[in-house]
Full PDB file with SEQRES, HELIX, SHEET, SSBOND, CRYST1, ORIGX, SCALE, CONECT and MASTER records, all heavy atoms in Angstrom:
SEQRES   1 A   41  LEU VAL ALA LEU LEU ALA ALA CYS ARG ALA GLY ARG SER          
SEQRES   2 A   41  PRO ARG PRO PRO VAL PRO ARG GLN GLU THR ALA GLY ALA          
SEQRES   3 A   41  ALA PRO ASP ARG LEU ALA ASP PRO VAL GLY PRO ASP ALA          
SEQRES   4 A   41  ALA GLY                                                      
HELIX    1 AA1 VAL A    2  GLY A   11  1                                  10    
HELIX    2 AA2 ASP A   29  ALA A   32  1                                   4    
CRYST1    1.000    1.000    1.000  90.00  90.00  90.00 P 1           1          
ORIGX1      1.000000  0.000000  0.000000        0.00000                         
ORIGX2      0.000000  1.000000  0.000000        0.00000                         
ORIGX3      0.000000  0.000000  1.000000        0.00000                         
SCALE1      1.000000  0.000000  0.000000        0.00000                         
SCALE2      0.000000  1.000000  0.000000        0.00000                         
SCALE3      0.000000  0.000000  1.000000        0.00000                         
ATOM      1  N   LEU A   1      86.808  74.512  66.765  1.00  0.00           N  
ATOM      2  CA  LEU A   1      86.505  75.648  66.173  1.00  0.00           C  
ATOM      3  C   LEU A   1      85.087  75.826  65.717  1.00  0.00           C  
ATOM      4  O   LEU A   1      84.516  76.919  65.922  1.00  0.00           O  
ATOM      5  CB  LEU A   1      87.339  75.733  64.798  1.00  0.00           C  
ATOM      6  CG  LEU A   1      88.842  76.139  64.975  1.00  0.00           C  
ATOM      7  CD1 LEU A   1      89.569  76.020  63.580  1.00  0.00           C  
ATOM      8  CD2 LEU A   1      89.037  77.476  65.622  1.00  0.00           C  
ATOM      9  N   VAL A   2      84.449  74.768  65.325  1.00  0.00           N  
ATOM     10  CA  VAL A   2      82.972  74.822  65.078  1.00  0.00           C  
ATOM     11  C   VAL A   2      82.202  75.134  66.256  1.00  0.00           C  
ATOM     12  O   VAL A   2      81.252  76.055  66.291  1.00  0.00           O  
ATOM     13  CB  VAL A   2      82.502  73.433  64.518  1.00  0.00           C  
ATOM     14  CG1 VAL A   2      80.942  73.328  64.489  1.00  0.00           C  
ATOM     15  CG2 VAL A   2      83.109  73.091  63.156  1.00  0.00           C  
ATOM     16  N   ALA A   3      82.583  74.574  67.360  1.00  0.00           N  
ATOM     17  CA  ALA A   3      81.858  74.937  68.751  1.00  0.00           C  
ATOM     18  C   ALA A   3      82.112  76.350  69.110  1.00  0.00           C  
ATOM     19  O   ALA A   3      81.144  77.009  69.498  1.00  0.00           O  
ATOM     20  CB  ALA A   3      82.376  74.073  69.730  1.00  0.00           C  
ATOM     21  N   LEU A   4      83.249  76.906  68.965  1.00  0.00           N  
ATOM     22  CA  LEU A   4      83.431  78.273  69.230  1.00  0.00           C  
ATOM     23  C   LEU A   4      82.748  79.262  68.349  1.00  0.00           C  
ATOM     24  O   LEU A   4      82.231  80.271  68.821  1.00  0.00           O  
ATOM     25  CB  LEU A   4      85.016  78.561  69.220  1.00  0.00           C  
ATOM     26  CG  LEU A   4      85.836  77.891  70.362  1.00  0.00           C  
ATOM     27  CD1 LEU A   4      87.328  78.001  70.046  1.00  0.00           C  
ATOM     28  CD2 LEU A   4      85.427  78.360  71.749  1.00  0.00           C  
ATOM     29  N   LEU A   5      82.770  78.927  67.013  1.00  0.00           N  
ATOM     30  CA  LEU A   5      82.081  79.735  66.115  1.00  0.00           C  
ATOM     31  C   LEU A   5      80.506  79.737  66.231  1.00  0.00           C  
ATOM     32  O   LEU A   5      79.901  80.788  66.145  1.00  0.00           O  
ATOM     33  CB  LEU A   5      82.421  79.383  64.620  1.00  0.00           C  
ATOM     34  CG  LEU A   5      83.827  79.502  64.251  1.00  0.00           C  
ATOM     35  CD1 LEU A   5      84.228  78.824  63.007  1.00  0.00           C  
ATOM     36  CD2 LEU A   5      84.238  81.012  64.111  1.00  0.00           C  
ATOM     37  N   ALA A   6      80.023  78.635  66.730  1.00  0.00           N  
ATOM     38  CA  ALA A   6      78.643  78.487  66.979  1.00  0.00           C  
ATOM     39  C   ALA A   6      78.277  79.352  68.118  1.00  0.00           C  
ATOM     40  O   ALA A   6      77.251  80.069  68.129  1.00  0.00           O  
ATOM     41  CB  ALA A   6      78.239  76.969  67.126  1.00  0.00           C  
ATOM     42  N   ALA A   7      79.062  79.266  69.219  1.00  0.00           N  
ATOM     43  CA  ALA A   7      78.818  80.092  70.416  1.00  0.00           C  
ATOM     44  C   ALA A   7      78.740  81.563  70.107  1.00  0.00           C  
ATOM     45  O   ALA A   7      77.980  82.302  70.595  1.00  0.00           O  
ATOM     46  CB  ALA A   7      79.708  79.681  71.503  1.00  0.00           C  
ATOM     47  N   CYS A   8      79.810  81.924  69.318  1.00  0.00           N  
ATOM     48  CA  CYS A   8      79.974  83.375  68.993  1.00  0.00           C  
ATOM     49  C   CYS A   8      78.756  83.805  68.180  1.00  0.00           C  
ATOM     50  O   CYS A   8      78.157  84.883  68.385  1.00  0.00           O  
ATOM     51  CB  CYS A   8      81.193  83.591  68.097  1.00  0.00           C  
ATOM     52  SG  CYS A   8      81.245  85.061  67.243  1.00  0.00           S  
ATOM     53  N   ARG A   9      78.248  82.969  67.267  1.00  0.00           N  
ATOM     54  CA  ARG A   9      77.163  83.395  66.301  1.00  0.00           C  
ATOM     55  C   ARG A   9      75.864  83.455  67.192  1.00  0.00           C  
ATOM     56  O   ARG A   9      75.100  84.384  66.920  1.00  0.00           O  
ATOM     57  CB  ARG A   9      77.026  82.299  65.240  1.00  0.00           C  
ATOM     58  CG  ARG A   9      76.141  82.718  64.085  1.00  0.00           C  
ATOM     59  CD  ARG A   9      76.149  81.664  63.097  1.00  0.00           C  
ATOM     60  NE  ARG A   9      75.408  81.926  61.861  1.00  0.00           N  
ATOM     61  CZ  ARG A   9      75.421  81.318  60.625  1.00  0.00           C  
ATOM     62  NH1 ARG A   9      76.070  80.082  60.729  1.00  0.00           N  
ATOM     63  NH2 ARG A   9      74.706  81.666  59.706  1.00  0.00           N  
ATOM     64  N   ALA A  10      75.732  82.547  68.191  1.00  0.00           N  
ATOM     65  CA  ALA A  10      74.432  82.664  69.004  1.00  0.00           C  
ATOM     66  C   ALA A  10      74.478  83.789  69.830  1.00  0.00           C  
ATOM     67  O   ALA A  10      73.393  84.311  70.120  1.00  0.00           O  
ATOM     68  CB  ALA A  10      74.395  81.356  69.772  1.00  0.00           C  
ATOM     69  N   GLY A  11      75.626  84.253  70.368  1.00  0.00           N  
ATOM     70  CA  GLY A  11      75.636  85.355  71.388  1.00  0.00           C  
ATOM     71  C   GLY A  11      75.824  86.678  70.710  1.00  0.00           C  
ATOM     72  O   GLY A  11      75.751  87.676  71.566  1.00  0.00           O  
ATOM     73  N   ARG A  12      76.103  86.797  69.477  1.00  0.00           N  
ATOM     74  CA  ARG A  12      76.473  88.085  68.957  1.00  0.00           C  
ATOM     75  C   ARG A  12      75.151  88.932  68.592  1.00  0.00           C  
ATOM     76  O   ARG A  12      74.249  88.471  67.854  1.00  0.00           O  
ATOM     77  CB  ARG A  12      77.206  87.949  67.632  1.00  0.00           C  
ATOM     78  CG  ARG A  12      77.756  89.304  67.158  1.00  0.00           C  
ATOM     79  CD  ARG A  12      78.644  89.027  65.943  1.00  0.00           C  
ATOM     80  NE  ARG A  12      77.940  88.620  64.750  1.00  0.00           N  
ATOM     81  CZ  ARG A  12      78.346  87.679  64.006  1.00  0.00           C  
ATOM     82  NH1 ARG A  12      79.391  86.970  64.247  1.00  0.00           N  
ATOM     83  NH2 ARG A  12      77.590  87.359  62.990  1.00  0.00           N  
ATOM     84  N   SER A  13      74.980  90.165  69.156  1.00  0.00           N  
ATOM     85  CA  SER A  13      73.792  90.870  68.972  1.00  0.00           C  
ATOM     86  C   SER A  13      74.114  91.824  67.749  1.00  0.00           C  
ATOM     87  O   SER A  13      75.269  92.149  67.676  1.00  0.00           O  
ATOM     88  CB  SER A  13      73.432  91.771  70.138  1.00  0.00           C  
ATOM     89  OG  SER A  13      74.635  92.519  70.553  1.00  0.00           O  
ATOM     90  N   PRO A  14      73.172  92.125  66.982  1.00  0.00           N  
ATOM     91  CA  PRO A  14      73.522  93.073  65.783  1.00  0.00           C  
ATOM     92  C   PRO A  14      74.075  94.375  66.245  1.00  0.00           C  
ATOM     93  O   PRO A  14      73.570  94.948  67.189  1.00  0.00           O  
ATOM     94  CB  PRO A  14      72.093  93.180  65.111  1.00  0.00           C  
ATOM     95  CG  PRO A  14      71.295  92.097  65.713  1.00  0.00           C  
ATOM     96  CD  PRO A  14      71.721  91.743  67.020  1.00  0.00           C  
ATOM     97  N   ARG A  15      75.001  94.860  65.395  1.00  0.00           N  
ATOM     98  CA  ARG A  15      75.630  96.109  65.675  1.00  0.00           C  
ATOM     99  C   ARG A  15      75.789  96.801  64.329  1.00  0.00           C  
ATOM    100  O   ARG A  15      75.839  96.181  63.320  1.00  0.00           O  
ATOM    101  CB  ARG A  15      76.998  96.113  66.305  1.00  0.00           C  
ATOM    102  CG  ARG A  15      77.101  95.494  67.719  1.00  0.00           C  
ATOM    103  CD  ARG A  15      78.453  95.722  68.249  1.00  0.00           C  
ATOM    104  NE  ARG A  15      78.711  95.038  69.506  1.00  0.00           N  
ATOM    105  CZ  ARG A  15      79.771  95.206  70.174  1.00  0.00           C  
ATOM    106  NH1 ARG A  15      80.685  96.021  69.816  1.00  0.00           N  
ATOM    107  NH2 ARG A  15      79.945  94.413  71.308  1.00  0.00           N  
ATOM    108  N   PRO A  16      75.692  98.132  64.380  1.00  0.00           N  
ATOM    109  CA  PRO A  16      75.955  98.814  63.012  1.00  0.00           C  
ATOM    110  C   PRO A  16      77.310  98.578  62.554  1.00  0.00           C  
ATOM    111  O   PRO A  16      78.331  98.526  63.360  1.00  0.00           O  
ATOM    112  CB  PRO A  16      75.661 100.236  63.420  1.00  0.00           C  
ATOM    113  CG  PRO A  16      75.942 100.302  64.915  1.00  0.00           C  
ATOM    114  CD  PRO A  16      75.494  99.163  65.439  1.00  0.00           C  
ATOM    115  N   PRO A  17      77.647  98.418  61.304  1.00  0.00           N  
ATOM    116  CA  PRO A  17      78.966  98.134  60.767  1.00  0.00           C  
ATOM    117  C   PRO A  17      79.920  99.378  61.097  1.00  0.00           C  
ATOM    118  O   PRO A  17      79.416 100.482  61.113  1.00  0.00           O  
ATOM    119  CB  PRO A  17      78.747  97.995  59.317  1.00  0.00           C  
ATOM    120  CG  PRO A  17      77.468  98.650  59.073  1.00  0.00           C  
ATOM    121  CD  PRO A  17      76.599  98.421  60.215  1.00  0.00           C  
ATOM    122  N   VAL A  18      81.168  99.023  61.392  1.00  0.00           N  
ATOM    123  CA  VAL A  18      82.198 100.047  61.682  1.00  0.00           C  
ATOM    124  C   VAL A  18      82.804 100.323  60.249  1.00  0.00           C  
ATOM    125  O   VAL A  18      83.372  99.449  59.739  1.00  0.00           O  
ATOM    126  CB  VAL A  18      83.208  99.589  62.649  1.00  0.00           C  
ATOM    127  CG1 VAL A  18      84.234 100.650  62.852  1.00  0.00           C  
ATOM    128  CG2 VAL A  18      82.510  99.294  63.989  1.00  0.00           C  
ATOM    129  N   PRO A  19      82.812 101.558  59.868  1.00  0.00           N  
ATOM    130  CA  PRO A  19      83.421 101.831  58.554  1.00  0.00           C  
ATOM    131  C   PRO A  19      84.878 101.631  58.644  1.00  0.00           C  
ATOM    132  O   PRO A  19      85.602 101.951  59.575  1.00  0.00           O  
ATOM    133  CB  PRO A  19      83.078 103.289  58.299  1.00  0.00           C  
ATOM    134  CG  PRO A  19      82.803 103.825  59.691  1.00  0.00           C  
ATOM    135  CD  PRO A  19      82.204 102.735  60.466  1.00  0.00           C  
ATOM    136  N   ARG A  20      85.459 101.026  57.496  1.00  0.00           N  
ATOM    137  CA  ARG A  20      86.915 100.741  57.532  1.00  0.00           C  
ATOM    138  C   ARG A  20      87.642 102.017  57.136  1.00  0.00           C  
ATOM    139  O   ARG A  20      87.171 102.815  56.237  1.00  0.00           O  
ATOM    140  CB  ARG A  20      87.266  99.682  56.517  1.00  0.00           C  
ATOM    141  CG  ARG A  20      88.633  99.499  56.297  1.00  0.00           C  
ATOM    142  CD  ARG A  20      88.868  98.050  55.810  1.00  0.00           C  
ATOM    143  NE  ARG A  20      88.092  97.692  54.545  1.00  0.00           N  
ATOM    144  CZ  ARG A  20      88.520  97.775  53.305  1.00  0.00           C  
ATOM    145  NH1 ARG A  20      89.753  98.393  53.145  1.00  0.00           N  
ATOM    146  NH2 ARG A  20      87.845  97.469  52.321  1.00  0.00           N  
ATOM    147  N   GLN A  21      88.762 102.292  57.870  1.00  0.00           N  
ATOM    148  CA  GLN A  21      89.568 103.560  57.577  1.00  0.00           C  
ATOM    149  C   GLN A  21      90.389 103.338  56.302  1.00  0.00           C  
ATOM    150  O   GLN A  21      91.261 102.371  56.303  1.00  0.00           O  
ATOM    151  CB  GLN A  21      90.366 103.874  58.667  1.00  0.00           C  
ATOM    152  CG  GLN A  21      89.673 104.156  60.034  1.00  0.00           C  
ATOM    153  CD  GLN A  21      88.776 105.335  60.048  1.00  0.00           C  
ATOM    154  OE1 GLN A  21      88.890 106.078  59.068  1.00  0.00           O  
ATOM    155  NE2 GLN A  21      87.897 105.392  60.923  1.00  0.00           N  
ATOM    156  N   GLU A  22      90.151 104.082  55.316  1.00  0.00           N  
ATOM    157  CA  GLU A  22      90.968 104.049  54.209  1.00  0.00           C  
ATOM    158  C   GLU A  22      92.349 104.854  54.270  1.00  0.00           C  
ATOM    159  O   GLU A  22      92.355 105.792  55.143  1.00  0.00           O  
ATOM    160  CB  GLU A  22      90.345 104.576  52.948  1.00  0.00           C  
ATOM    161  CG  GLU A  22      89.059 103.827  52.637  1.00  0.00           C  
ATOM    162  CD  GLU A  22      89.292 102.305  52.236  1.00  0.00           C  
ATOM    163  OE1 GLU A  22      90.397 102.028  51.874  1.00  0.00           O  
ATOM    164  OE2 GLU A  22      88.232 101.474  52.309  1.00  0.00           O  
ATOM    165  N   THR A  23      93.342 104.568  53.493  1.00  0.00           N  
ATOM    166  CA  THR A  23      94.582 105.237  53.691  1.00  0.00           C  
ATOM    167  C   THR A  23      94.423 106.580  53.219  1.00  0.00           C  
ATOM    168  O   THR A  23      94.918 107.582  53.747  1.00  0.00           O  
ATOM    169  CB  THR A  23      95.682 104.458  52.862  1.00  0.00           C  
ATOM    170  OG1 THR A  23      95.807 103.207  53.313  1.00  0.00           O  
ATOM    171  CG2 THR A  23      97.026 105.175  53.006  1.00  0.00           C  
ATOM    172  N   ALA A  24      93.721 106.830  52.021  1.00  0.00           N  
ATOM    173  CA  ALA A  24      93.550 108.157  51.535  1.00  0.00           C  
ATOM    174  C   ALA A  24      92.543 108.908  52.372  1.00  0.00           C  
ATOM    175  O   ALA A  24      91.585 108.260  52.967  1.00  0.00           O  
ATOM    176  CB  ALA A  24      93.055 108.106  50.107  1.00  0.00           C  
ATOM    177  N   GLY A  25      92.608 110.221  52.477  1.00  0.00           N  
ATOM    178  CA  GLY A  25      91.533 110.964  53.264  1.00  0.00           C  
ATOM    179  C   GLY A  25      92.109 112.360  53.508  1.00  0.00           C  
ATOM    180  O   GLY A  25      93.274 112.673  53.208  1.00  0.00           O  
ATOM    181  N   ALA A  26      91.316 113.183  54.045  1.00  0.00           N  
ATOM    182  CA  ALA A  26      91.574 114.564  54.393  1.00  0.00           C  
ATOM    183  C   ALA A  26      92.248 114.541  55.658  1.00  0.00           C  
ATOM    184  O   ALA A  26      91.724 114.898  56.701  1.00  0.00           O  
ATOM    185  CB  ALA A  26      90.233 115.329  54.313  1.00  0.00           C  
ATOM    186  N   ALA A  27      93.590 114.206  55.673  1.00  0.00           N  
ATOM    187  CA  ALA A  27      94.429 114.237  56.784  1.00  0.00           C  
ATOM    188  C   ALA A  27      95.401 115.503  56.850  1.00  0.00           C  
ATOM    189  O   ALA A  27      95.855 115.898  55.709  1.00  0.00           O  
ATOM    190  CB  ALA A  27      95.268 113.026  56.876  1.00  0.00           C  
ATOM    191  N   PRO A  28      95.469 116.235  57.878  1.00  0.00           N  
ATOM    192  CA  PRO A  28      96.377 117.323  57.870  1.00  0.00           C  
ATOM    193  C   PRO A  28      97.819 116.896  57.467  1.00  0.00           C  
ATOM    194  O   PRO A  28      98.372 115.937  57.923  1.00  0.00           O  
ATOM    195  CB  PRO A  28      96.381 117.803  59.388  1.00  0.00           C  
ATOM    196  CG  PRO A  28      95.097 117.233  59.961  1.00  0.00           C  
ATOM    197  CD  PRO A  28      94.876 115.877  59.188  1.00  0.00           C  
ATOM    198  N   ASP A  29      98.390 117.695  56.553  1.00  0.00           N  
ATOM    199  CA  ASP A  29      99.647 117.322  56.053  1.00  0.00           C  
ATOM    200  C   ASP A  29     100.727 117.092  57.161  1.00  0.00           C  
ATOM    201  O   ASP A  29     101.532 116.297  57.002  1.00  0.00           O  
ATOM    202  CB  ASP A  29     100.102 118.309  54.959  1.00  0.00           C  
ATOM    203  CG  ASP A  29      99.298 118.337  53.681  1.00  0.00           C  
ATOM    204  OD1 ASP A  29      98.626 117.351  53.578  1.00  0.00           O  
ATOM    205  OD2 ASP A  29      99.448 119.267  53.074  1.00  0.00           O  
ATOM    206  N   ARG A  30     100.719 118.028  58.128  1.00  0.00           N  
ATOM    207  CA  ARG A  30     101.607 118.001  59.175  1.00  0.00           C  
ATOM    208  C   ARG A  30     101.626 116.695  59.894  1.00  0.00           C  
ATOM    209  O   ARG A  30     102.624 116.236  60.386  1.00  0.00           O  
ATOM    210  CB  ARG A  30     101.454 119.074  60.190  1.00  0.00           C  
ATOM    211  CG  ARG A  30     102.273 119.265  61.404  1.00  0.00           C  
ATOM    212  CD  ARG A  30     103.658 119.544  61.047  1.00  0.00           C  
ATOM    213  NE  ARG A  30     104.480 119.538  62.311  1.00  0.00           N  
ATOM    214  CZ  ARG A  30     105.778 119.392  62.342  1.00  0.00           C  
ATOM    215  NH1 ARG A  30     106.411 119.088  61.299  1.00  0.00           N  
ATOM    216  NH2 ARG A  30     106.344 119.565  63.432  1.00  0.00           N  
ATOM    217  N   LEU A  31     100.543 116.145  60.000  1.00  0.00           N  
ATOM    218  CA  LEU A  31     100.299 114.796  60.804  1.00  0.00           C  
ATOM    219  C   LEU A  31     100.496 113.633  59.958  1.00  0.00           C  
ATOM    220  O   LEU A  31     100.941 112.565  60.376  1.00  0.00           O  
ATOM    221  CB  LEU A  31      98.991 114.807  61.517  1.00  0.00           C  
ATOM    222  CG  LEU A  31      98.768 115.960  62.491  1.00  0.00           C  
ATOM    223  CD1 LEU A  31      97.431 115.738  63.081  1.00  0.00           C  
ATOM    224  CD2 LEU A  31      99.807 116.192  63.539  1.00  0.00           C  
ATOM    225  N   ALA A  32     100.003 113.647  58.687  1.00  0.00           N  
ATOM    226  CA  ALA A  32      99.993 112.519  57.967  1.00  0.00           C  
ATOM    227  C   ALA A  32     101.136 112.133  57.023  1.00  0.00           C  
ATOM    228  O   ALA A  32     101.459 110.976  56.805  1.00  0.00           O  
ATOM    229  CB  ALA A  32      98.836 112.544  56.913  1.00  0.00           C  
ATOM    230  N   ASP A  33     101.807 113.180  56.607  1.00  0.00           N  
ATOM    231  CA  ASP A  33     102.964 112.930  55.706  1.00  0.00           C  
ATOM    232  C   ASP A  33     104.377 113.050  56.442  1.00  0.00           C  
ATOM    233  O   ASP A  33     104.560 113.960  57.243  1.00  0.00           O  
ATOM    234  CB  ASP A  33     103.016 113.928  54.706  1.00  0.00           C  
ATOM    235  CG  ASP A  33     101.758 113.795  53.727  1.00  0.00           C  
ATOM    236  OD1 ASP A  33     101.207 112.857  53.651  1.00  0.00           O  
ATOM    237  OD2 ASP A  33     101.278 114.866  53.224  1.00  0.00           O  
ATOM    238  N   PRO A  34     105.172 112.026  56.225  1.00  0.00           N  
ATOM    239  CA  PRO A  34     106.519 112.050  56.855  1.00  0.00           C  
ATOM    240  C   PRO A  34     107.294 113.186  56.269  1.00  0.00           C  
ATOM    241  O   PRO A  34     107.161 113.635  55.152  1.00  0.00           O  
ATOM    242  CB  PRO A  34     107.188 110.757  56.425  1.00  0.00           C  
ATOM    243  CG  PRO A  34     106.426 110.351  55.179  1.00  0.00           C  
ATOM    244  CD  PRO A  34     105.081 110.927  55.329  1.00  0.00           C  
ATOM    245  N   VAL A  35     108.264 113.696  57.165  1.00  0.00           N  
ATOM    246  CA  VAL A  35     109.094 114.777  56.733  1.00  0.00           C  
ATOM    247  C   VAL A  35     110.435 114.215  56.340  1.00  0.00           C  
ATOM    248  O   VAL A  35     111.053 113.297  56.943  1.00  0.00           O  
ATOM    249  CB  VAL A  35     109.307 115.730  57.918  1.00  0.00           C  
ATOM    250  CG1 VAL A  35     110.263 116.796  57.504  1.00  0.00           C  
ATOM    251  CG2 VAL A  35     108.016 116.292  58.305  1.00  0.00           C  
ATOM    252  N   GLY A  36     110.977 114.619  55.247  1.00  0.00           N  
ATOM    253  CA  GLY A  36     112.213 114.102  54.750  1.00  0.00           C  
ATOM    254  C   GLY A  36     113.422 114.480  55.569  1.00  0.00           C  
ATOM    255  O   GLY A  36     113.269 115.489  56.421  1.00  0.00           O  
ATOM    256  N   PRO A  37     114.459 113.770  55.541  1.00  0.00           N  
ATOM    257  CA  PRO A  37     115.585 114.143  56.424  1.00  0.00           C  
ATOM    258  C   PRO A  37     116.155 115.449  56.275  1.00  0.00           C  
ATOM    259  O   PRO A  37     116.699 116.045  57.062  1.00  0.00           O  
ATOM    260  CB  PRO A  37     116.683 112.955  55.959  1.00  0.00           C  
ATOM    261  CG  PRO A  37     116.198 112.466  54.656  1.00  0.00           C  
ATOM    262  CD  PRO A  37     114.743 112.630  54.620  1.00  0.00           C  
ATOM    263  N   ASP A  38     116.006 116.049  55.087  1.00  0.00           N  
ATOM    264  CA  ASP A  38     116.755 117.350  54.824  1.00  0.00           C  
ATOM    265  C   ASP A  38     115.830 118.418  55.547  1.00  0.00           C  
ATOM    266  O   ASP A  38     116.374 119.555  55.945  1.00  0.00           O  
ATOM    267  CB  ASP A  38     116.835 117.687  53.358  1.00  0.00           C  
ATOM    268  CG  ASP A  38     117.773 116.784  52.704  1.00  0.00           C  
ATOM    269  OD1 ASP A  38     118.710 116.315  53.434  1.00  0.00           O  
ATOM    270  OD2 ASP A  38     117.668 116.481  51.445  1.00  0.00           O  
ATOM    271  N   ALA A  39     114.554 118.160  55.562  1.00  0.00           N  
ATOM    272  CA  ALA A  39     113.637 119.292  56.197  1.00  0.00           C  
ATOM    273  C   ALA A  39     113.411 119.001  57.749  1.00  0.00           C  
ATOM    274  O   ALA A  39     112.919 119.767  58.529  1.00  0.00           O  
ATOM    275  CB  ALA A  39     112.338 119.204  55.578  1.00  0.00           C  
ATOM    276  N   ALA A  40     113.878 117.845  58.172  1.00  0.00           N  
ATOM    277  CA  ALA A  40     113.472 117.337  59.574  1.00  0.00           C  
ATOM    278  C   ALA A  40     114.350 117.869  60.666  1.00  0.00           C  
ATOM    279  O   ALA A  40     115.446 117.430  60.902  1.00  0.00           O  
ATOM    280  CB  ALA A  40     113.450 115.914  59.592  1.00  0.00           C  
ATOM    281  N   GLY A  41     113.883 118.966  61.368  1.00  0.00           N  
ATOM    282  CA  GLY A  41     114.530 119.297  62.619  1.00  0.00           C  
ATOM    283  C   GLY A  41     116.034 119.787  62.393  1.00  0.00           C  
ATOM    284  O   GLY A  41     116.688 119.987  63.409  1.00  0.00           O  
TER     285      GLY A  41                                                      
MASTER        0    0    0    2    0    0    0    6  284    1    0    4          
END                                                                             
């Protein structure tokens, strides 16, 4: 593991961080929220 981690560290070029997706957000209700069984189809 030490050898693999060392190789990864040597070969990794800097990249801008990727923002983590939070659960909360401005998501369209139709896509984000489940439909209950009484309303569903």
